[in-house]
PDB file of all heavy atoms in Angstrom:
ATOM      1  N   LEU A   1     -37.817 -38.432 199.541  1.00  0.00           N
ATOM      2  CA  LEU A   1     -36.710 -39.268 199.208  1.00  0.00           C
ATOM      3  C   LEU A   1     -35.697 -38.495 198.360  1.00  0.00           C
ATOM      4  O   LEU A   1     -34.477 -38.784 198.428  1.00  0.00           O
ATOM      5  CB  LEU A   1     -37.181 -40.512 198.493  1.00  0.00           C
ATOM      6  CG  LEU A   1     -37.870 -41.551 199.406  1.00  0.00           C
ATOM      7  CD1 LEU A   1     -38.554 -42.636 198.580  1.00  0.00           C
ATOM      8  CD2 LEU A   1     -36.891 -42.188 200.348  1.00  0.00           C
ATOM      9  N   TRP A   2     -36.134 -37.602 197.537  1.00  0.00           N
ATOM     10  CA  TRP A   2     -35.195 -36.790 196.723  1.00  0.00           C
ATOM     11  C   TRP A   2     -34.319 -35.971 197.683  1.00  0.00           C
ATOM     12  O   TRP A   2     -33.136 -35.861 197.468  1.00  0.00           O
ATOM     13  CB  TRP A   2     -35.940 -35.843 195.755  1.00  0.00           C
ATOM     14  CG  TRP A   2     -36.927 -36.534 194.852  1.00  0.00           C
ATOM     15  CD1 TRP A   2     -36.914 -37.885 194.528  1.00  0.00           C
ATOM     16  CD2 TRP A   2     -38.010 -35.923 194.181  1.00  0.00           C
ATOM     17  NE1 TRP A   2     -37.955 -38.149 193.678  1.00  0.00           N
ATOM     18  CE2 TRP A   2     -38.659 -36.967 193.410  1.00  0.00           C
ATOM     19  CE3 TRP A   2     -38.494 -34.623 194.105  1.00  0.00           C
ATOM     20  CZ2 TRP A   2     -39.770 -36.739 192.644  1.00  0.00           C
ATOM     21  CZ3 TRP A   2     -39.639 -34.367 193.293  1.00  0.00           C
ATOM     22  CH2 TRP A   2     -40.246 -35.420 192.602  1.00  0.00           C
ATOM     23  N   VAL A   3     -34.966 -35.400 198.730  1.00  0.00           N
ATOM     24  CA  VAL A   3     -34.208 -34.587 199.667  1.00  0.00           C
ATOM     25  C   VAL A   3     -33.256 -35.443 200.487  1.00  0.00           C
ATOM     26  O   VAL A   3     -32.086 -35.105 200.696  1.00  0.00           O
ATOM     27  CB  VAL A   3     -35.177 -33.851 200.607  1.00  0.00           C
ATOM     28  CG1 VAL A   3     -34.387 -33.142 201.748  1.00  0.00           C
ATOM     29  CG2 VAL A   3     -36.037 -32.851 199.829  1.00  0.00           C
ATOM     30  N   ILE A   4     -33.734 -36.603 200.912  1.00  0.00           N
ATOM     31  CA  ILE A   4     -32.916 -37.547 201.742  1.00  0.00           C
ATOM     32  C   ILE A   4     -31.725 -38.007 200.868  1.00  0.00           C
ATOM     33  O   ILE A   4     -30.577 -38.075 201.336  1.00  0.00           O
ATOM     34  CB  ILE A   4     -33.758 -38.720 202.203  1.00  0.00           C
ATOM     35  CG1 ILE A   4     -34.731 -38.254 203.270  1.00  0.00           C
ATOM     36  CG2 ILE A   4     -32.858 -39.836 202.804  1.00  0.00           C
ATOM     37  CD1 ILE A   4     -35.754 -39.271 203.661  1.00  0.00           C
ATOM     38  N   GLY A   5     -31.996 -38.411 199.613  1.00  0.00           N
ATOM     39  CA  GLY A   5     -30.910 -38.830 198.761  1.00  0.00           C
ATOM     40  C   GLY A   5     -29.880 -37.787 198.532  1.00  0.00           C
ATOM     41  O   GLY A   5     -28.662 -38.047 198.552  1.00  0.00           O
ATOM     42  N   GLY A   6     -30.357 -36.531 198.283  1.00  0.00           N
ATOM     43  CA  GLY A   6     -29.438 -35.419 198.109  1.00  0.00           C
ATOM     44  C   GLY A   6     -28.560 -35.189 199.357  1.00  0.00           C
ATOM     45  O   GLY A   6     -27.379 -34.926 199.229  1.00  0.00           O
ATOM     46  N   ALA A   7     -29.194 -35.272 200.530  1.00  0.00           N
ATOM     47  CA  ALA A   7     -28.446 -35.067 201.788  1.00  0.00           C
ATOM     48  C   ALA A   7     -27.402 -36.168 201.959  1.00  0.00           C
ATOM     49  O   ALA A   7     -26.248 -35.883 202.413  1.00  0.00           O
ATOM     50  CB  ALA A   7     -29.421 -35.105 202.968  1.00  0.00           C
ATOM     51  N   MET A   8     -27.710 -37.427 201.614  1.00  0.00           N
ATOM     52  CA  MET A   8     -26.764 -38.513 201.759  1.00  0.00           C
ATOM     53  C   MET A   8     -25.589 -38.313 200.802  1.00  0.00           C
ATOM     54  O   MET A   8     -24.423 -38.609 201.153  1.00  0.00           O
ATOM     55  CB  MET A   8     -27.420 -39.846 201.595  1.00  0.00           C
ATOM     56  CG  MET A   8     -28.322 -40.220 202.758  1.00  0.00           C
ATOM     57  SD  MET A   8     -28.881 -41.961 202.720  1.00  0.00           S
ATOM     58  CE  MET A   8     -30.166 -41.832 201.440  1.00  0.00           C
ATOM     59  N   ILE A   9     -25.854 -37.872 199.561  1.00  0.00           N
ATOM     60  CA  ILE A   9     -24.771 -37.633 198.613  1.00  0.00           C
ATOM     61  C   ILE A   9     -23.892 -36.494 199.104  1.00  0.00           C
ATOM     62  O   ILE A   9     -22.662 -36.527 198.960  1.00  0.00           O
ATOM     63  CB  ILE A   9     -25.385 -37.359 197.199  1.00  0.00           C
ATOM     64  CG1 ILE A   9     -25.992 -38.614 196.614  1.00  0.00           C
ATOM     65  CG2 ILE A   9     -24.248 -36.834 196.274  1.00  0.00           C
ATOM     66  CD1 ILE A   9     -25.023 -39.741 196.327  1.00  0.00           C
ATOM     67  N   TRP A  10     -24.500 -35.471 199.654  1.00  0.00           N
ATOM     68  CA  TRP A  10     -23.737 -34.373 200.243  1.00  0.00           C
ATOM     69  C   TRP A  10     -22.806 -34.871 201.339  1.00  0.00           C
ATOM     70  O   TRP A  10     -21.653 -34.514 201.360  1.00  0.00           O
ATOM     71  CB  TRP A  10     -24.714 -33.333 200.788  1.00  0.00           C
ATOM     72  CG  TRP A  10     -24.035 -32.293 201.716  1.00  0.00           C
ATOM     73  CD1 TRP A  10     -23.169 -31.335 201.289  1.00  0.00           C
ATOM     74  CD2 TRP A  10     -24.210 -32.174 203.115  1.00  0.00           C
ATOM     75  NE1 TRP A  10     -22.777 -30.611 202.424  1.00  0.00           N
ATOM     76  CE2 TRP A  10     -23.420 -31.088 203.561  1.00  0.00           C
ATOM     77  CE3 TRP A  10     -24.989 -32.840 204.056  1.00  0.00           C
ATOM     78  CZ2 TRP A  10     -23.336 -30.673 204.876  1.00  0.00           C
ATOM     79  CZ3 TRP A  10     -24.905 -32.447 205.386  1.00  0.00           C
ATOM     80  CH2 TRP A  10     -24.118 -31.382 205.780  1.00  0.00           C
ATOM     81  N   GLU A  11     -23.355 -35.677 202.233  1.00  0.00           N
ATOM     82  CA  GLU A  11     -22.506 -36.200 203.323  1.00  0.00           C
ATOM     83  C   GLU A  11     -21.369 -37.083 202.817  1.00  0.00           C
ATOM     84  O   GLU A  11     -20.266 -36.988 203.250  1.00  0.00           O
ATOM     85  CB  GLU A  11     -23.391 -36.992 204.316  1.00  0.00           C
ATOM     86  CG  GLU A  11     -24.361 -36.126 205.110  1.00  0.00           C
ATOM     87  CD  GLU A  11     -25.256 -36.942 206.007  1.00  0.00           C
ATOM     88  OE1 GLU A  11     -25.422 -38.180 205.784  1.00  0.00           O
ATOM     89  OE2 GLU A  11     -25.811 -36.348 206.959  1.00  0.00           O
ATOM     90  N   LEU A  12     -21.714 -37.955 201.862  1.00  0.00           N
ATOM     91  CA  LEU A  12     -20.688 -38.847 201.276  1.00  0.00           C
ATOM     92  C   LEU A  12     -19.597 -38.050 200.600  1.00  0.00           C
ATOM     93  O   LEU A  12     -18.405 -38.338 200.789  1.00  0.00           O
ATOM     94  CB  LEU A  12     -21.320 -39.808 200.288  1.00  0.00           C
ATOM     95  CG  LEU A  12     -20.416 -40.780 199.575  1.00  0.00           C
ATOM     96  CD1 LEU A  12     -19.811 -41.750 200.579  1.00  0.00           C
ATOM     97  CD2 LEU A  12     -21.120 -41.524 198.471  1.00  0.00           C
ATOM     98  N   SER A  13     -19.989 -37.046 199.828  1.00  0.00           N
ATOM     99  CA  SER A  13     -19.002 -36.215 199.165  1.00  0.00           C
ATOM    100  C   SER A  13     -18.075 -35.501 200.129  1.00  0.00           C
ATOM    101  O   SER A  13     -16.863 -35.375 199.910  1.00  0.00           O
ATOM    102  CB  SER A  13     -19.707 -35.179 198.259  1.00  0.00           C
ATOM    103  OG  SER A  13     -20.568 -35.845 197.301  1.00  0.00           O
ATOM    104  N   ARG A  14     -18.660 -34.974 201.193  1.00  0.00           N
ATOM    105  CA  ARG A  14     -17.834 -34.344 202.243  1.00  0.00           C
ATOM    106  C   ARG A  14     -16.867 -35.303 202.884  1.00  0.00           C
ATOM    107  O   ARG A  14     -15.644 -34.942 203.046  1.00  0.00           O
ATOM    108  CB  ARG A  14     -18.725 -33.736 203.308  1.00  0.00           C
ATOM    109  CG  ARG A  14     -19.496 -32.478 202.939  1.00  0.00           C
ATOM    110  CD  ARG A  14     -20.440 -32.040 204.018  1.00  0.00           C
ATOM    111  NE  ARG A  14     -19.742 -31.563 205.195  1.00  0.00           N
ATOM    112  CZ  ARG A  14     -19.764 -32.180 206.393  1.00  0.00           C
ATOM    113  NH1 ARG A  14     -20.387 -33.296 206.554  1.00  0.00           N
ATOM    114  NH2 ARG A  14     -19.103 -31.662 207.426  1.00  0.00           N
ATOM    115  N   MET A  15     -17.333 -36.451 203.223  1.00  0.00           N
ATOM    116  CA  MET A  15     -16.456 -37.473 203.861  1.00  0.00           C
ATOM    117  C   MET A  15     -15.271 -37.843 202.987  1.00  0.00           C
ATOM    118  O   MET A  15     -14.206 -38.099 203.513  1.00  0.00           O
ATOM    119  CB  MET A  15     -17.263 -38.711 204.267  1.00  0.00           C
ATOM    120  CG  MET A  15     -18.136 -38.544 205.459  1.00  0.00           C
ATOM    121  SD  MET A  15     -18.727 -40.124 206.136  1.00  0.00           S
ATOM    122  CE  MET A  15     -19.712 -40.726 204.778  1.00  0.00           C
ATOM    123  N   LEU A  16     -15.528 -37.915 201.705  1.00  0.00           N
ATOM    124  CA  LEU A  16     -14.478 -38.415 200.802  1.00  0.00           C
ATOM    125  C   LEU A  16     -13.599 -37.243 200.227  1.00  0.00           C
ATOM    126  O   LEU A  16     -12.798 -37.534 199.300  1.00  0.00           O
ATOM    127  CB  LEU A  16     -15.155 -39.194 199.659  1.00  0.00           C
ATOM    128  CG  LEU A  16     -15.863 -40.458 200.113  1.00  0.00           C
ATOM    129  CD1 LEU A  16     -16.431 -41.190 198.879  1.00  0.00           C
ATOM    130  CD2 LEU A  16     -14.964 -41.374 200.891  1.00  0.00           C
ATOM    131  N   GLY A  17     -13.743 -36.074 200.757  1.00  0.00           N
ATOM    132  CA  GLY A  17     -12.837 -34.995 200.392  1.00  0.00           C
ATOM    133  C   GLY A  17     -13.315 -33.971 199.441  1.00  0.00           C
ATOM    134  O   GLY A  17     -12.550 -33.155 198.986  1.00  0.00           O
ATOM    135  N   GLY A  18     -14.617 -33.949 199.149  1.00  0.00           N
ATOM    136  CA  GLY A  18     -15.153 -32.962 198.186  1.00  0.00           C
ATOM    137  C   GLY A  18     -15.922 -31.857 198.870  1.00  0.00           C
ATOM    138  O   GLY A  18     -17.011 -31.503 198.452  1.00  0.00           O
ATOM    139  N   ASP A  19     -15.352 -31.268 199.961  1.00  0.00           N
ATOM    140  CA  ASP A  19     -16.064 -30.231 200.723  1.00  0.00           C
ATOM    141  C   ASP A  19     -16.566 -29.102 199.823  1.00  0.00           C
ATOM    142  O   ASP A  19     -17.638 -28.576 200.018  1.00  0.00           O
ATOM    143  CB  ASP A  19     -15.143 -29.700 201.817  1.00  0.00           C
ATOM    144  CG  ASP A  19     -14.750 -30.744 202.803  1.00  0.00           C
ATOM    145  OD1 ASP A  19     -13.747 -31.461 202.520  1.00  0.00           O
ATOM    146  OD2 ASP A  19     -15.432 -30.931 203.810  1.00  0.00           O
ATOM    147  N   ALA A  20     -15.709 -28.663 198.919  1.00  0.00           N
ATOM    148  CA  ALA A  20     -16.039 -27.462 198.105  1.00  0.00           C
ATOM    149  C   ALA A  20     -17.245 -27.644 197.232  1.00  0.00           C
ATOM    150  O   ALA A  20     -18.063 -26.717 197.077  1.00  0.00           O
ATOM    151  CB  ALA A  20     -14.817 -27.088 197.241  1.00  0.00           C
ATOM    152  N   TRP A  21     -17.401 -28.822 196.679  1.00  0.00           N
ATOM    153  CA  TRP A  21     -18.515 -29.020 195.739  1.00  0.00           C
ATOM    154  C   TRP A  21     -19.631 -29.953 196.280  1.00  0.00           C
ATOM    155  O   TRP A  21     -20.566 -30.280 195.586  1.00  0.00           O
ATOM    156  CB  TRP A  21     -18.014 -29.578 194.402  1.00  0.00           C
ATOM    157  CG  TRP A  21     -17.092 -30.764 194.530  1.00  0.00           C
ATOM    158  CD1 TRP A  21     -15.737 -30.792 194.645  1.00  0.00           C
ATOM    159  CD2 TRP A  21     -17.510 -32.110 194.608  1.00  0.00           C
ATOM    160  NE1 TRP A  21     -15.251 -32.061 194.775  1.00  0.00           N
ATOM    161  CE2 TRP A  21     -16.330 -32.908 194.749  1.00  0.00           C
ATOM    162  CE3 TRP A  21     -18.728 -32.793 194.580  1.00  0.00           C
ATOM    163  CZ2 TRP A  21     -16.324 -34.277 194.880  1.00  0.00           C
ATOM    164  CZ3 TRP A  21     -18.764 -34.181 194.702  1.00  0.00           C
ATOM    165  CH2 TRP A  21     -17.580 -34.932 194.867  1.00  0.00           C
ATOM    166  N   ALA A  22     -19.478 -30.378 197.553  1.00  0.00           N
ATOM    167  CA  ALA A  22     -20.458 -31.313 198.112  1.00  0.00           C
ATOM    168  C   ALA A  22     -21.841 -30.782 198.136  1.00  0.00           C
ATOM    169  O   ALA A  22     -22.825 -31.497 197.777  1.00  0.00           O
ATOM    170  CB  ALA A  22     -20.023 -31.721 199.562  1.00  0.00           C
ATOM    171  N   PRO A  23     -22.122 -29.496 198.529  1.00  0.00           N
ATOM    172  CA  PRO A  23     -23.471 -28.974 198.450  1.00  0.00           C
ATOM    173  C   PRO A  23     -24.086 -29.035 197.059  1.00  0.00           C
ATOM    174  O   PRO A  23     -25.241 -29.419 196.869  1.00  0.00           O
ATOM    175  CB  PRO A  23     -23.318 -27.537 198.966  1.00  0.00           C
ATOM    176  CG  PRO A  23     -22.075 -27.543 199.764  1.00  0.00           C
ATOM    177  CD  PRO A  23     -21.163 -28.512 199.083  1.00  0.00           C
ATOM    178  N   GLY A  24     -23.264 -28.639 196.082  1.00  0.00           N
ATOM    179  CA  GLY A  24     -23.753 -28.697 194.695  1.00  0.00           C
ATOM    180  C   GLY A  24     -24.071 -30.118 194.233  1.00  0.00           C
ATOM    181  O   GLY A  24     -25.057 -30.341 193.537  1.00  0.00           O
ATOM    182  N   MET A  25     -23.239 -31.039 194.647  1.00  0.00           N
ATOM    183  CA  MET A  25     -23.443 -32.447 194.335  1.00  0.00           C
ATOM    184  C   MET A  25     -24.717 -32.974 194.939  1.00  0.00           C
ATOM    185  O   MET A  25     -25.486 -33.780 194.370  1.00  0.00           O
ATOM    186  CB  MET A  25     -22.217 -33.293 194.706  1.00  0.00           C
ATOM    187  CG  MET A  25     -22.229 -34.683 194.075  1.00  0.00           C
ATOM    188  SD  MET A  25     -22.144 -34.594 192.264  1.00  0.00           S
ATOM    189  CE  MET A  25     -23.258 -35.925 191.843  1.00  0.00           C
ATOM    190  N   GLY A  26     -24.983 -32.506 196.190  1.00  0.00           N
ATOM    191  CA  GLY A  26     -26.239 -32.932 196.821  1.00  0.00           C
ATOM    192  C   GLY A  26     -27.444 -32.436 196.090  1.00  0.00           C
ATOM    193  O   GLY A  26     -28.444 -33.163 195.932  1.00  0.00           O
ATOM    194  N   VAL A  27     -27.410 -31.209 195.622  1.00  0.00           N
ATOM    195  CA  VAL A  27     -28.523 -30.637 194.834  1.00  0.00           C
ATOM    196  C   VAL A  27     -28.693 -31.394 193.539  1.00  0.00           C
ATOM    197  O   VAL A  27     -29.802 -31.728 193.137  1.00  0.00           O
ATOM    198  CB  VAL A  27     -28.266 -29.158 194.587  1.00  0.00           C
ATOM    199  CG1 VAL A  27     -29.333 -28.615 193.622  1.00  0.00           C
ATOM    200  CG2 VAL A  27     -28.285 -28.358 195.851  1.00  0.00           C
ATOM    201  N   ILE A  28     -27.580 -31.676 192.850  1.00  0.00           N
ATOM    202  CA  ILE A  28     -27.622 -32.418 191.603  1.00  0.00           C
ATOM    203  C   ILE A  28     -28.241 -33.803 191.795  1.00  0.00           C
ATOM    204  O   ILE A  28     -29.069 -34.237 191.010  1.00  0.00           O
ATOM    205  CB  ILE A  28     -26.224 -32.531 190.977  1.00  0.00           C
ATOM    206  CG1 ILE A  28     -25.706 -31.203 190.465  1.00  0.00           C
ATOM    207  CG2 ILE A  28     -26.187 -33.563 189.821  1.00  0.00           C
ATOM    208  CD1 ILE A  28     -24.296 -31.181 190.041  1.00  0.00           C
ATOM    209  N   ALA A  29     -27.856 -34.477 192.871  1.00  0.00           N
ATOM    210  CA  ALA A  29     -28.386 -35.811 193.187  1.00  0.00           C
ATOM    211  C   ALA A  29     -29.900 -35.780 193.442  1.00  0.00           C
ATOM    212  O   ALA A  29     -30.644 -36.601 192.925  1.00  0.00           O
ATOM    213  CB  ALA A  29     -27.670 -36.408 194.386  1.00  0.00           C
ATOM    214  N   GLY A  30     -30.324 -34.731 194.173  1.00  0.00           N
ATOM    215  CA  GLY A  30     -31.761 -34.645 194.443  1.00  0.00           C
ATOM    216  C   GLY A  30     -32.531 -34.370 193.168  1.00  0.00           C
ATOM    217  O   GLY A  30     -33.610 -34.967 192.944  1.00  0.00           O
ATOM    218  N   LEU A  31     -32.004 -33.485 192.322  1.00  0.00           N
ATOM    219  CA  LEU A  31     -32.658 -33.218 191.016  1.00  0.00           C
ATOM    220  C   LEU A  31     -32.688 -34.443 190.149  1.00  0.00           C
ATOM    221  O   LEU A  31     -33.617 -34.702 189.402  1.00  0.00           O
ATOM    222  CB  LEU A  31     -31.958 -32.036 190.347  1.00  0.00           C
ATOM    223  CG  LEU A  31     -32.120 -30.643 191.018  1.00  0.00           C
ATOM    224  CD1 LEU A  31     -31.256 -29.657 190.299  1.00  0.00           C
ATOM    225  CD2 LEU A  31     -33.585 -30.242 191.031  1.00  0.00           C
ATOM    226  N   ALA A  32     -31.564 -35.177 190.171  1.00  0.00           N
ATOM    227  CA  ALA A  32     -31.495 -36.445 189.362  1.00  0.00           C
ATOM    228  C   ALA A  32     -32.569 -37.431 189.762  1.00  0.00           C
ATOM    229  O   ALA A  32     -33.218 -38.070 188.905  1.00  0.00           O
ATOM    230  CB  ALA A  32     -30.114 -37.088 189.469  1.00  0.00           C
TER     231      ALA A  32
END
């Protein structure tokens, strides 16, 4: 679920215009 949650945050961030930092945000979300 940590991985799935991180992947979903990555996808959401990309969709909303944060391509540059979306991978990092996905990692942060999974760690959170």
